[in-house]
Amino acid sequence: QVQLVESGGGLVQPGGSLRLSCAASETIFNINAMAWYRQAPGKHRELVAAITLGGQTNYADSVKGRFTISRDSNKNTVNLQMSSVKLDDTAVYYCNVVTDDWHNYWGQGTQVTVSS
């Protein structure tokens, strides 16, 4: 069973930076896209950023210009560079991988807390 393992979460001050990483426990074939989602307390899970195998990216309006998604398909890893973080960025962040046949893999989540 393939597992996605996130790392890099933690406590960061407003305006600071944080880098999240996600690695697959084994090779995932036929990846269509890799993404980061987040879920804040009392809210639905939302897409933060996604990147296709071809390198096309998509960002939530709330993080455009502040977050950058990148991936290394050879290593089945995806990263999220978070800059100029805000209090509203506080959430559990989840890594997601979708294959060509629409199989979804999810990580266990990593907590990001923005607080002064």
Protein backbone atom coordinates (compact mmCIF):
# COMPACT_ATOMS: atom_id res chain seq x y z
CA GLN A 1 0.00 0.00 0.00
CA VAL A 2 1.53 3.29 -1.12
CA GLN A 3 1.77 5.91 1.59
CA LEU A 4 2.32 9.65 1.26
CA VAL A 5 4.32 11.14 4.10
CA GLU A 6 4.26 14.88 4.71
CA SER A 7 6.87 16.82 6.64
CA GLY A 8 7.79 20.40 7.39
CA GLY A 9 4.76 21.60 9.27
CA GLY A 10 4.98 23.55 12.48
CA LEU A 11 4.61 26.95 14.08
CA VAL A 12 5.48 30.06 12.09
CA GLN A 13 4.99 33.76 12.72
CA PRO A 14 2.88 35.91 10.42
CA GLY A 15 4.98 37.03 7.47
CA GLY A 16 7.32 34.07 7.85
CA SER A 17 8.07 31.13 5.59
CA LEU A 18 7.67 27.38 5.77
CA ARG A 19 8.36 24.54 3.36
CA LEU A 20 6.22 21.43 3.24
CA SER A 21 7.38 18.24 1.58
CA CYS A 22 5.60 15.05 0.66
CA ALA A 23 7.19 11.80 -0.42
CA ALA A 24 5.66 8.55 -1.58
CA SER A 25 6.75 5.35 0.14
CA GLU A 26 7.13 3.69 -3.26
CA THR A 27 6.88 4.61 -6.90
CA ILE A 28 3.48 5.74 -8.09
CA PHE A 29 2.97 5.09 -11.77
CA ASN A 30 0.90 7.15 -14.20
CA ILE A 31 0.71 10.25 -12.03
CA ASN A 32 -1.67 12.82 -13.48
CA ALA A 33 -1.27 15.55 -10.87
CA MET A 34 0.09 16.24 -7.41
CA ALA A 35 -1.45 18.73 -5.04
CA TRP A 36 -1.71 20.23 -1.59
CA TYR A 37 -5.00 20.69 0.19
CA ARG A 38 -5.72 22.18 3.58
CA GLN A 39 -8.48 22.02 6.15
CA ALA A 40 -8.94 24.60 8.85
CA PRO A 41 -11.06 23.92 11.94
CA GLY A 42 -14.76 24.02 11.09
CA LYS A 43 -14.11 24.39 7.37
CA HIS A 44 -14.15 22.10 4.36
CA ARG A 45 -10.96 20.78 2.84
CA GLU A 46 -9.84 23.10 0.05
CA LEU A 47 -7.34 22.95 -2.77
CA VAL A 48 -4.26 25.07 -2.11
CA ALA A 49 -2.12 24.29 -5.14
CA ALA A 50 -1.76 21.64 -7.80
CA ILE A 51 0.81 20.72 -10.42
CA THR A 52 0.38 18.42 -13.40
CA LEU A 53 2.94 16.05 -14.81
CA GLY A 54 3.56 18.63 -17.51
CA GLY A 55 4.34 21.27 -14.94
CA GLN A 56 1.18 23.33 -15.16
CA THR A 57 0.25 24.85 -11.82
CA ASN A 58 -2.97 26.05 -10.26
CA TYR A 59 -3.32 28.03 -7.05
CA ALA A 60 -6.13 29.08 -4.80
CA ASP A 61 -6.66 32.82 -5.06
CA SER A 62 -5.86 33.20 -1.37
CA VAL A 63 -2.29 31.92 -1.82
CA LYS A 64 -1.35 33.23 -5.27
CA GLY A 65 1.93 35.07 -5.20
CA ARG A 66 2.80 33.68 -1.77
CA PHE A 67 2.95 29.89 -2.18
CA THR A 68 4.86 27.88 -4.76
CA ILE A 69 4.29 24.23 -5.58
CA SER A 70 7.01 22.09 -7.12
CA ARG A 71 7.49 18.42 -7.80
CA ASP A 72 10.06 15.83 -8.65
CA SER A 73 8.24 13.11 -10.54
CA ASN A 74 11.26 10.84 -10.55
CA LYS A 75 11.20 10.79 -6.78
CA ASN A 76 7.43 11.06 -6.45
CA THR A 77 7.80 14.10 -4.23
CA VAL A 78 5.88 17.34 -4.10
CA ASN A 79 6.75 20.45 -2.14
CA LEU A 80 4.96 23.58 -1.06
CA GLN A 81 6.98 26.69 -0.34
CA MET A 82 4.91 29.01 1.83
CA SER A 83 5.95 32.65 2.15
CA SER A 84 4.39 35.72 3.71
CA VAL A 85 2.11 33.44 5.68
CA LYS A 86 -1.03 34.81 7.29
CA LEU A 87 -3.11 33.77 10.26
CA ASP A 88 -5.70 32.37 7.84
CA ASP A 89 -3.12 29.90 6.53
CA THR A 90 -3.42 27.95 9.78
CA ALA A 91 -4.71 24.48 8.88
CA VAL A 92 -3.83 20.85 8.46
CA TYR A 93 -2.15 20.47 5.08
CA TYR A 94 -2.63 17.29 3.08
CA CYS A 95 -0.62 15.95 0.19
CA ASN A 96 -2.57 14.41 -2.70
CA VAL A 97 -1.59 12.41 -5.78
CA VAL A 98 -4.01 11.54 -8.58
CA THR A 99 -3.24 8.95 -11.22
CA ASP A 100 -4.46 8.78 -14.83
CA ASP A 101 -7.21 6.36 -13.78
CA TRP A 102 -8.31 8.79 -11.08
CA HIS A 103 -6.97 6.86 -8.12
CA ASN A 104 -6.37 9.24 -5.21
CA TYR A 105 -3.62 8.92 -2.65
CA TRP A 106 -3.67 11.07 0.50
CA GLY A 107 -1.14 11.82 3.17
CA GLN A 108 -1.95 11.83 6.85
CA GLY A 109 -1.70 15.61 7.10
CA THR A 110 0.72 18.02 8.73
CA GLN A 111 -0.29 20.89 10.99
CA VAL A 112 0.68 24.43 10.08
CA THR A 113 0.01 27.06 12.73
CA VAL A 114 0.55 30.74 12.03
CA SER A 115 0.73 32.69 15.25
CA SER A 116 2.67 35.53 16.83
